[in-house]
């Protein structure tokens, strides 16, 4: 007799994800007896919804994190949001909303999507680069670097976008435009 049970992903995935969250299975805790492994993926820009590129890239990292856990390593696999920058600001302008509101709404939506996919992040270490508690440390490090001459001002050529009224990184420029 053939087993007629069918895989019901909505039921099964939700049940296992709730179990993982309840048990804090992906939370990294200090354990000197285990070798540490840190897996950091590029943080997404919270300028819209998750797309297939996110799914592909984060699946690769998640497979590595799970494999390292199965090998007995103490894996730290955090998630954050690269929330300062032109992608989020431009998307907010296009949608006629304040950048902070747009950014935090997208962070919440993207987090729900990532959790639904079951990725094994340590969500207790989540942060957004637009949070004052985060960027105050960046500012402090920058000031220390400036004081030591490691950061400096100079006149040079830059990529300028007239539409955005902003300097662009080389990675943001295509055919002379953003």
N, C-alpha and C. Protein backbone atom coordinates (compact mmCIF):
# COMPACT_ATOMS: atom_id res chain seq x y z
N UNK A 1 0.85 -1.18 0.00
CA UNK A 1 0.00 0.00 0.00
C UNK A 1 0.89 1.24 0.00
N UNK A 2 0.55 2.19 -0.83
CA UNK A 2 1.31 3.42 -0.94
C UNK A 2 0.81 4.40 0.12
N UNK A 3 1.75 5.04 0.78
CA UNK A 3 1.39 6.04 1.78
C UNK A 3 0.81 7.25 1.06
N UNK A 4 -0.39 7.63 1.39
CA UNK A 4 -1.08 8.73 0.72
C UNK A 4 -0.82 10.09 1.36
N UNK A 5 0.04 10.12 2.39
CA UNK A 5 0.32 11.41 3.03
C UNK A 5 1.06 12.30 2.05
N UNK A 6 0.64 13.52 1.95
CA UNK A 6 1.30 14.47 1.07
C UNK A 6 1.98 15.54 1.90
N UNK A 7 3.05 16.04 1.35
CA UNK A 7 3.80 17.11 2.02
C UNK A 7 3.00 18.40 1.93
N UNK A 8 2.70 18.97 3.08
CA UNK A 8 1.97 20.23 3.16
C UNK A 8 2.94 21.29 3.67
N UNK A 9 3.61 22.03 2.77
CA UNK A 9 4.65 22.95 3.21
C UNK A 9 4.17 24.03 4.17
N UNK A 10 2.99 24.55 3.97
CA UNK A 10 2.50 25.60 4.87
C UNK A 10 2.41 25.11 6.30
N UNK A 11 1.93 23.90 6.47
CA UNK A 11 1.79 23.34 7.81
C UNK A 11 3.14 22.91 8.39
N UNK A 12 3.87 22.14 7.63
CA UNK A 12 5.12 21.57 8.13
C UNK A 12 6.18 22.64 8.34
N UNK A 13 6.37 23.51 7.37
CA UNK A 13 7.39 24.56 7.50
C UNK A 13 7.07 25.48 8.68
N UNK A 14 5.83 25.89 8.79
CA UNK A 14 5.44 26.79 9.90
C UNK A 14 5.68 26.12 11.25
N UNK A 15 5.35 24.83 11.35
CA UNK A 15 5.53 24.10 12.61
C UNK A 15 7.02 24.04 12.99
N UNK A 16 7.88 23.68 12.03
CA UNK A 16 9.30 23.59 12.33
C UNK A 16 9.91 24.96 12.62
N UNK A 17 9.52 25.96 11.88
CA UNK A 17 10.06 27.30 12.13
C UNK A 17 9.65 27.80 13.51
N UNK A 18 8.44 27.52 13.94
CA UNK A 18 8.00 27.90 15.29
C UNK A 18 8.83 27.16 16.34
N UNK A 19 9.12 25.89 16.10
CA UNK A 19 9.95 25.12 17.02
C UNK A 19 11.35 25.71 17.09
N UNK A 20 11.96 26.00 15.94
CA UNK A 20 13.31 26.57 15.91
C UNK A 20 13.36 27.89 16.69
N UNK A 21 12.33 28.72 16.49
CA UNK A 21 12.31 30.02 17.18
C UNK A 21 12.12 29.84 18.68
N UNK A 22 11.20 28.97 19.07
CA UNK A 22 10.94 28.72 20.50
C UNK A 22 12.19 28.21 21.21
N UNK A 23 12.93 27.34 20.55
CA UNK A 23 14.12 26.73 21.14
C UNK A 23 15.39 27.56 20.94
N UNK A 24 15.28 28.70 20.26
CA UNK A 24 16.45 29.55 19.97
C UNK A 24 17.59 28.75 19.34
N UNK A 25 17.26 27.90 18.40
CA UNK A 25 18.25 26.99 17.83
C UNK A 25 19.36 27.70 17.06
N UNK A 26 19.09 28.87 16.56
CA UNK A 26 20.10 29.54 15.73
C UNK A 26 20.81 30.67 16.47
N UNK A 27 20.54 30.78 17.75
CA UNK A 27 21.19 31.82 18.56
C UNK A 27 22.59 31.35 18.93
N UNK A 28 23.57 32.20 18.67
CA UNK A 28 24.95 31.88 19.04
C UNK A 28 25.16 32.24 20.51
N UNK A 29 25.63 31.29 21.28
CA UNK A 29 25.92 31.52 22.69
C UNK A 29 27.38 31.19 22.94
N UNK A 30 27.95 31.85 23.92
CA UNK A 30 29.36 31.61 24.23
C UNK A 30 29.54 30.18 24.73
N UNK A 31 30.45 29.48 24.08
CA UNK A 31 30.73 28.09 24.45
C UNK A 31 32.20 27.81 24.12
N UNK A 32 33.10 27.98 25.11
CA UNK A 32 34.54 27.81 24.86
C UNK A 32 34.93 26.42 24.36
N UNK A 33 34.06 25.44 24.53
CA UNK A 33 34.40 24.08 24.11
C UNK A 33 34.22 23.87 22.60
N UNK A 34 33.57 24.82 21.94
CA UNK A 34 33.29 24.67 20.52
C UNK A 34 34.03 25.72 19.69
N UNK A 35 34.52 25.31 18.55
CA UNK A 35 35.18 26.24 17.63
C UNK A 35 34.14 27.24 17.10
N UNK A 36 34.55 28.50 17.00
CA UNK A 36 33.65 29.54 16.51
C UNK A 36 33.70 29.63 14.98
N UNK A 37 32.55 29.97 14.40
CA UNK A 37 32.47 30.21 12.96
C UNK A 37 31.53 31.39 12.75
N UNK A 38 32.02 32.41 12.05
CA UNK A 38 31.25 33.63 11.81
C UNK A 38 30.91 33.70 10.34
N UNK A 39 29.63 33.76 10.02
CA UNK A 39 29.18 33.84 8.64
C UNK A 39 28.39 35.13 8.47
N UNK A 40 28.93 36.05 7.72
CA UNK A 40 28.28 37.34 7.49
C UNK A 40 28.03 37.50 6.00
N UNK A 41 26.78 37.66 5.65
CA UNK A 41 26.40 37.90 4.27
C UNK A 41 26.19 39.40 4.09
N UNK A 42 26.17 39.83 2.83
CA UNK A 42 25.88 41.24 2.57
C UNK A 42 24.48 41.55 3.09
N UNK A 43 24.37 42.64 3.81
CA UNK A 43 23.06 43.03 4.31
C UNK A 43 22.25 43.66 3.18
N UNK A 44 20.96 43.33 3.10
CA UNK A 44 20.15 43.90 2.02
C UNK A 44 19.81 45.37 2.26
N UNK A 45 19.61 46.07 1.16
CA UNK A 45 19.07 47.43 1.23
C UNK A 45 17.56 47.28 1.44
N UNK A 46 16.99 47.87 2.46
CA UNK A 46 15.54 47.74 2.67
C UNK A 46 14.77 48.75 1.81
N UNK A 47 14.89 48.58 0.49
CA UNK A 47 14.26 49.52 -0.43
C UNK A 47 13.07 48.92 -1.15
N UNK A 48 12.70 47.71 -0.80
CA UNK A 48 11.57 47.05 -1.45
C UNK A 48 11.36 45.68 -0.84
N UNK A 49 10.92 44.76 -1.65
CA UNK A 49 10.67 43.39 -1.21
C UNK A 49 11.86 42.50 -1.56
N UNK A 50 11.89 41.32 -0.94
CA UNK A 50 12.89 40.31 -1.26
C UNK A 50 12.66 39.86 -2.71
N UNK A 51 13.75 39.65 -3.45
CA UNK A 51 13.65 39.14 -4.82
C UNK A 51 14.50 37.88 -4.95
N UNK A 52 14.49 37.28 -6.10
CA UNK A 52 15.17 35.99 -6.30
C UNK A 52 16.67 36.08 -6.06
N UNK A 53 17.28 37.22 -6.30
CA UNK A 53 18.70 37.39 -6.01
C UNK A 53 18.98 37.25 -4.51
N UNK A 54 18.10 37.83 -3.69
CA UNK A 54 18.24 37.67 -2.24
C UNK A 54 18.10 36.18 -1.87
N UNK A 55 17.08 35.54 -2.41
CA UNK A 55 16.82 34.14 -2.07
C UNK A 55 18.04 33.29 -2.43
N UNK A 56 18.58 33.50 -3.61
CA UNK A 56 19.75 32.73 -4.04
C UNK A 56 20.93 32.95 -3.10
N UNK A 57 21.28 34.20 -2.88
CA UNK A 57 22.46 34.50 -2.06
C UNK A 57 22.30 34.05 -0.62
N UNK A 58 21.15 34.30 -0.02
CA UNK A 58 20.97 33.95 1.38
C UNK A 58 20.80 32.45 1.57
N UNK A 59 20.33 31.74 0.54
CA UNK A 59 20.27 30.28 0.62
C UNK A 59 21.67 29.70 0.68
N UNK A 60 22.58 30.24 -0.10
CA UNK A 60 23.96 29.76 -0.08
C UNK A 60 24.56 29.92 1.32
N UNK A 61 24.42 31.11 1.90
CA UNK A 61 24.93 31.34 3.25
C UNK A 61 24.27 30.45 4.28
N UNK A 62 22.97 30.25 4.14
CA UNK A 62 22.24 29.42 5.10
C UNK A 62 22.70 27.97 5.03
N UNK A 63 22.95 27.47 3.84
CA UNK A 63 23.45 26.09 3.69
C UNK A 63 24.79 25.95 4.40
N UNK A 64 25.67 26.92 4.22
CA UNK A 64 26.98 26.87 4.88
C UNK A 64 26.81 26.92 6.40
N UNK A 65 25.96 27.83 6.89
CA UNK A 65 25.74 27.95 8.34
C UNK A 65 25.21 26.65 8.93
N UNK A 66 24.25 26.04 8.27
CA UNK A 66 23.68 24.78 8.77
C UNK A 66 24.72 23.66 8.74
N UNK A 67 25.50 23.61 7.67
CA UNK A 67 26.54 22.58 7.57
C UNK A 67 27.55 22.73 8.71
N UNK A 68 27.99 23.96 8.96
CA UNK A 68 28.98 24.19 10.02
C UNK A 68 28.39 23.83 11.39
N UNK A 69 27.11 24.11 11.60
CA UNK A 69 26.47 23.69 12.86
C UNK A 69 26.46 22.17 12.98
N UNK A 70 26.14 21.49 11.88
CA UNK A 70 26.11 20.03 11.91
C UNK A 70 27.49 19.44 12.16
N UNK A 71 28.52 20.21 11.82
CA UNK A 71 29.90 19.78 12.08
C UNK A 71 30.33 20.09 13.52
N UNK A 72 29.43 20.70 14.30
CA UNK A 72 29.71 20.98 15.70
C UNK A 72 30.25 22.36 16.00
N UNK A 73 30.36 23.21 14.99
CA UNK A 73 30.89 24.56 15.23
C UNK A 73 29.82 25.45 15.86
N UNK A 74 30.27 26.44 16.60
CA UNK A 74 29.40 27.43 17.21
C UNK A 74 29.27 28.57 16.19
N UNK A 75 28.16 28.59 15.47
CA UNK A 75 27.99 29.48 14.32
C UNK A 75 27.25 30.76 14.71
N UNK A 76 27.87 31.88 14.40
CA UNK A 76 27.20 33.18 14.51
C UNK A 76 26.83 33.60 13.09
N UNK A 77 25.53 33.70 12.84
CA UNK A 77 25.00 34.02 11.50
C UNK A 77 23.95 35.13 11.67
N UNK A 78 24.42 36.37 11.78
CA UNK A 78 23.49 37.48 12.03
C UNK A 78 22.87 38.03 10.74
N UNK A 79 21.85 38.85 10.91
CA UNK A 79 21.25 39.56 9.78
C UNK A 79 21.11 41.02 10.19
N UNK A 80 21.34 41.88 9.24
CA UNK A 80 21.18 43.31 9.45
C UNK A 80 20.67 43.95 8.17
N UNK A 81 20.57 45.26 8.22
CA UNK A 81 19.97 46.00 7.11
C UNK A 81 20.85 47.19 6.76
N UNK A 82 21.29 47.25 5.52
CA UNK A 82 22.10 48.37 5.04
C UNK A 82 21.15 49.50 4.67
N UNK A 83 20.75 50.24 5.69
CA UNK A 83 19.61 51.14 5.56
C UNK A 83 19.97 52.60 5.32
N UNK A 84 21.24 52.92 5.24
CA UNK A 84 21.62 54.28 4.86
C UNK A 84 22.08 54.20 3.42
N UNK A 85 21.54 55.02 2.59
CA UNK A 85 22.02 55.00 1.22
C UNK A 85 20.94 55.39 0.23
N UNK A 86 21.40 55.52 -0.99
CA UNK A 86 20.53 56.00 -2.05
C UNK A 86 19.40 55.03 -2.41
N UNK A 87 19.60 53.71 -2.42
CA UNK A 87 18.48 52.85 -2.82
C UNK A 87 17.22 53.06 -1.98
N UNK A 88 17.38 53.08 -0.66
CA UNK A 88 16.20 53.27 0.20
C UNK A 88 15.64 54.68 0.05
N UNK A 89 16.53 55.67 0.00
CA UNK A 89 16.07 57.06 -0.12
C UNK A 89 15.34 57.27 -1.45
N UNK A 90 15.90 56.77 -2.54
CA UNK A 90 15.25 56.93 -3.84
C UNK A 90 13.90 56.23 -3.89
N UNK A 91 13.83 55.04 -3.32
CA UNK A 91 12.57 54.31 -3.29
C UNK A 91 11.52 55.08 -2.47
N UNK A 92 11.93 55.67 -1.37
CA UNK A 92 11.00 56.46 -0.55
C UNK A 92 10.48 57.66 -1.33
N UNK A 93 11.38 58.34 -2.03
CA UNK A 93 10.98 59.50 -2.82
C UNK A 93 9.99 59.08 -3.91
N UNK A 94 10.29 57.96 -4.60
CA UNK A 94 9.40 57.46 -5.66
C UNK A 94 8.03 57.09 -5.10
N UNK A 95 7.97 56.66 -3.84
CA UNK A 95 6.71 56.26 -3.23
C UNK A 95 6.10 57.35 -2.36
N UNK A 96 6.67 58.54 -2.46
CA UNK A 96 6.12 59.72 -1.78
C UNK A 96 5.91 59.51 -0.28
N UNK A 97 6.96 59.00 0.36
CA UNK A 97 6.89 58.78 1.80
C UNK A 97 8.22 59.16 2.44
N UNK A 98 8.21 59.35 3.73
CA UNK A 98 9.43 59.71 4.45
C UNK A 98 10.40 58.53 4.41
N UNK A 99 11.70 58.78 4.15
CA UNK A 99 12.66 57.67 4.09
C UNK A 99 12.69 56.78 5.33
N UNK A 100 12.55 57.35 6.52
CA UNK A 100 12.59 56.53 7.74
C UNK A 100 11.39 55.58 7.78
N UNK A 101 10.22 56.11 7.48
CA UNK A 101 9.02 55.26 7.48
C UNK A 101 9.15 54.16 6.43
N UNK A 102 9.57 54.53 5.24
CA UNK A 102 9.75 53.56 4.15
C UNK A 102 10.74 52.47 4.56
N UNK A 103 11.85 52.89 5.13
CA UNK A 103 12.92 51.96 5.50
C UNK A 103 12.44 50.97 6.55
N UNK A 104 11.84 51.46 7.63
CA UNK A 104 11.42 50.56 8.70
C UNK A 104 10.26 49.65 8.28
N UNK A 105 9.38 50.14 7.41
CA UNK A 105 8.30 49.29 6.89
C UNK A 105 8.89 48.16 6.05
N UNK A 106 9.89 48.48 5.24
CA UNK A 106 10.52 47.47 4.40
C UNK A 106 11.34 46.48 5.22
N UNK A 107 12.01 46.97 6.26
CA UNK A 107 12.74 46.06 7.14
C UNK A 107 11.78 45.04 7.73
N UNK A 108 10.65 45.48 8.23
CA UNK A 108 9.67 44.57 8.82
C UNK A 108 9.16 43.57 7.78
N UNK A 109 8.86 44.05 6.58
CA UNK A 109 8.35 43.16 5.53
C UNK A 109 9.41 42.15 5.09
N UNK A 110 10.64 42.62 4.90
CA UNK A 110 11.71 41.73 4.45
C UNK A 110 12.05 40.70 5.54
N UNK A 111 12.00 41.13 6.79
CA UNK A 111 12.27 40.20 7.89
C UNK A 111 11.21 39.09 7.90
N UNK A 112 9.95 39.46 7.73
CA UNK A 112 8.88 38.45 7.67
C UNK A 112 9.14 37.47 6.53
N UNK A 113 9.55 37.99 5.38
CA UNK A 113 9.82 37.13 4.22
C UNK A 113 10.99 36.19 4.50
N UNK A 114 12.07 36.71 5.07
CA UNK A 114 13.25 35.88 5.36
C UNK A 114 12.91 34.81 6.40
N UNK A 115 12.13 35.20 7.41
CA UNK A 115 11.74 34.22 8.43
C UNK A 115 10.86 33.13 7.81
N UNK A 116 9.98 33.53 6.92
CA UNK A 116 9.09 32.56 6.28
C UNK A 116 9.87 31.55 5.45
N UNK A 117 11.01 31.99 4.91
CA UNK A 117 11.85 31.07 4.14
C UNK A 117 12.66 30.15 5.04
N UNK A 118 12.66 30.44 6.35
CA UNK A 118 13.30 29.54 7.31
C UNK A 118 14.81 29.67 7.42
N UNK A 119 15.36 30.79 7.01
CA UNK A 119 16.81 30.98 7.13
C UNK A 119 17.22 30.98 8.60
N UNK A 120 18.42 30.48 8.85
CA UNK A 120 18.87 30.24 10.23
C UNK A 120 19.66 31.40 10.82
N UNK A 121 19.09 32.58 10.82
CA UNK A 121 19.77 33.75 11.37
C UNK A 121 19.62 33.83 12.89
N UNK A 122 20.59 34.46 13.51
CA UNK A 122 20.50 34.80 14.93
C UNK A 122 19.83 36.17 14.98
N UNK A 123 18.51 36.17 15.06
CA UNK A 123 17.75 37.42 14.99
C UNK A 123 17.96 38.30 16.22
N UNK A 124 18.49 37.77 17.29
CA UNK A 124 18.74 38.60 18.47
C UNK A 124 19.87 39.60 18.22
N UNK A 125 20.65 39.41 17.18
CA UNK A 125 21.76 40.30 16.85
C UNK A 125 21.44 41.19 15.66
N UNK A 126 20.20 41.24 15.28
CA UNK A 126 19.76 42.06 14.15
C UNK A 126 20.01 43.54 14.43
N UNK A 127 20.37 44.27 13.39
CA UNK A 127 20.50 45.72 13.51
C UNK A 127 20.27 46.37 12.15
N UNK A 128 20.03 47.65 12.18
CA UNK A 128 19.92 48.45 10.95
C UNK A 128 20.92 49.59 11.05
N UNK A 129 21.58 49.86 9.95
CA UNK A 129 22.62 50.90 9.97
C UNK A 129 22.04 52.29 10.21
N UNK A 130 20.73 52.45 10.11
CA UNK A 130 20.11 53.75 10.36
C UNK A 130 19.72 53.93 11.83
N UNK A 131 19.90 52.91 12.65
CA UNK A 131 19.59 53.02 14.08
C UNK A 131 20.68 53.85 14.78
N UNK A 132 20.30 54.89 15.52
CA UNK A 132 21.31 55.70 16.20
C UNK A 132 22.27 54.90 17.07
N UNK A 133 21.79 53.85 17.70
CA UNK A 133 22.66 53.03 18.55
C UNK A 133 23.74 52.34 17.72
N UNK A 134 23.46 52.11 16.45
CA UNK A 134 24.45 51.51 15.56
C UNK A 134 25.41 52.58 15.02
N UNK A 135 24.87 53.62 14.40
CA UNK A 135 25.75 54.54 13.69
C UNK A 135 26.55 55.46 14.61
N UNK A 136 26.19 55.56 15.86
CA UNK A 136 27.02 56.37 16.76
C UNK A 136 28.41 55.73 16.90
N UNK A 137 28.46 54.39 16.85
CA UNK A 137 29.75 53.71 16.92
C UNK A 137 30.54 53.89 15.63
N UNK A 138 29.86 53.89 14.51
CA UNK A 138 30.54 54.17 13.24
C UNK A 138 31.13 55.57 13.26
N UNK A 139 30.36 56.52 13.76
CA UNK A 139 30.85 57.89 13.83
C UNK A 139 32.06 57.99 14.75
N UNK A 140 32.02 57.30 15.87
CA UNK A 140 33.14 57.31 16.80
C UNK A 140 34.39 56.73 16.15
N UNK A 141 34.26 55.60 15.48
CA UNK A 141 35.40 54.99 14.80
C UNK A 141 35.94 55.94 13.72
N UNK A 142 35.04 56.56 12.97
CA UNK A 142 35.48 57.49 11.94
C UNK A 142 36.26 58.66 12.55
N UNK A 143 35.75 59.21 13.64
CA UNK A 143 36.44 60.33 14.28
C UNK A 143 37.83 59.92 14.77
N UNK A 144 37.92 58.72 15.32
CA UNK A 144 39.24 58.22 15.77
C UNK A 144 40.19 58.07 14.58
N UNK A 145 39.68 57.56 13.48
CA UNK A 145 40.50 57.41 12.27
C UNK A 145 40.94 58.78 11.76
N UNK A 146 40.02 59.75 11.79
CA UNK A 146 40.32 61.10 11.33
C UNK A 146 41.41 61.73 12.21
N UNK A 147 41.25 61.55 13.52
CA UNK A 147 42.26 62.09 14.46
C UNK A 147 43.65 61.49 14.22
N UNK A 148 43.71 60.26 13.76
CA UNK A 148 44.99 59.58 13.53
C UNK A 148 45.49 59.75 12.09
N UNK A 149 44.76 60.56 11.29
CA UNK A 149 45.17 60.81 9.92
C UNK A 149 44.84 59.69 8.95
N UNK A 150 44.04 58.73 9.39
CA UNK A 150 43.67 57.62 8.52
C UNK A 150 42.48 57.95 7.62
N UNK A 151 41.72 58.95 7.99
CA UNK A 151 40.64 59.49 7.16
C UNK A 151 40.99 60.96 6.94
N UNK A 152 40.79 61.43 5.73
CA UNK A 152 41.20 62.80 5.43
C UNK A 152 40.33 63.37 4.32
N UNK A 153 40.43 64.68 4.16
CA UNK A 153 39.71 65.37 3.09
C UNK A 153 40.71 65.74 2.00
N UNK A 154 40.27 65.63 0.76
CA UNK A 154 41.08 66.13 -0.34
C UNK A 154 40.16 66.43 -1.52
N UNK A 155 40.63 67.26 -2.40
CA UNK A 155 39.88 67.58 -3.61
C UNK A 155 40.19 66.52 -4.66
N UNK A 156 39.13 65.97 -5.26
CA UNK A 156 39.31 64.94 -6.28
C UNK A 156 38.06 64.85 -7.14
N UNK A 157 38.15 64.11 -8.20
CA UNK A 157 36.99 63.88 -9.05
C UNK A 157 36.07 62.85 -8.39
N UNK A 158 34.77 63.07 -8.51
CA UNK A 158 33.78 62.14 -7.95
C UNK A 158 32.68 61.90 -8.98
N UNK A 159 31.93 60.84 -8.77
CA UNK A 159 30.74 60.57 -9.57
C UNK A 159 29.59 61.37 -8.95
N UNK A 160 29.01 62.27 -9.72
CA UNK A 160 27.94 63.13 -9.21
C UNK A 160 26.66 62.86 -9.98
N UNK A 161 25.57 62.71 -9.27
CA UNK A 161 24.26 62.52 -9.90
C UNK A 161 23.44 63.79 -9.72
N UNK A 162 23.12 64.45 -10.82
CA UNK A 162 22.32 65.68 -10.74
C UNK A 162 20.92 65.40 -10.22
N UNK A 163 20.34 64.26 -10.62
CA UNK A 163 18.99 63.91 -10.17
C UNK A 163 18.95 63.71 -8.66
N UNK A 164 19.93 62.95 -8.12
CA UNK A 164 19.96 62.63 -6.70
C UNK A 164 20.63 63.72 -5.87
N UNK A 165 21.36 64.60 -6.54
CA UNK A 165 22.14 65.62 -5.84
C UNK A 165 23.07 64.99 -4.81
N UNK A 166 23.79 63.95 -5.28
CA UNK A 166 24.64 63.20 -4.37
C UNK A 166 25.84 62.61 -5.10
N UNK A 167 26.89 62.36 -4.33
CA UNK A 167 28.04 61.63 -4.84
C UNK A 167 27.68 60.15 -4.88
N UNK A 168 28.17 59.45 -5.89
CA UNK A 168 27.89 58.03 -6.04
C UNK A 168 29.18 57.23 -5.97
N UNK A 169 29.10 56.04 -5.41
CA UNK A 169 30.22 55.11 -5.44
C UNK A 169 30.36 54.57 -6.85
N UNK A 170 31.55 54.15 -7.22
CA UNK A 170 31.77 53.61 -8.57
C UNK A 170 30.79 52.48 -8.88
N UNK A 171 30.45 51.66 -7.87
CA UNK A 171 29.55 50.53 -8.06
C UNK A 171 28.13 50.96 -8.41
N UNK A 172 27.79 52.22 -8.12
CA UNK A 172 26.43 52.70 -8.37
C UNK A 172 26.28 53.33 -9.74
N UNK A 173 27.37 53.48 -10.47
CA UNK A 173 27.35 54.21 -11.74
C UNK A 173 27.33 53.24 -12.91
N UNK A 174 26.36 53.46 -13.80
CA UNK A 174 26.29 52.70 -15.05
C UNK A 174 26.15 53.69 -16.18
N UNK A 175 27.09 53.64 -17.11
CA UNK A 175 27.09 54.56 -18.26
C UNK A 175 27.00 56.02 -17.82
N UNK A 176 27.70 56.35 -16.76
CA UNK A 176 27.75 57.73 -16.28
C UNK A 176 26.54 58.17 -15.49
N UNK A 177 25.59 57.29 -15.21
CA UNK A 177 24.37 57.65 -14.47
C UNK A 177 24.11 56.64 -13.36
N UNK A 178 23.26 57.07 -12.43
CA UNK A 178 22.87 56.11 -11.38
C UNK A 178 21.59 55.42 -11.75
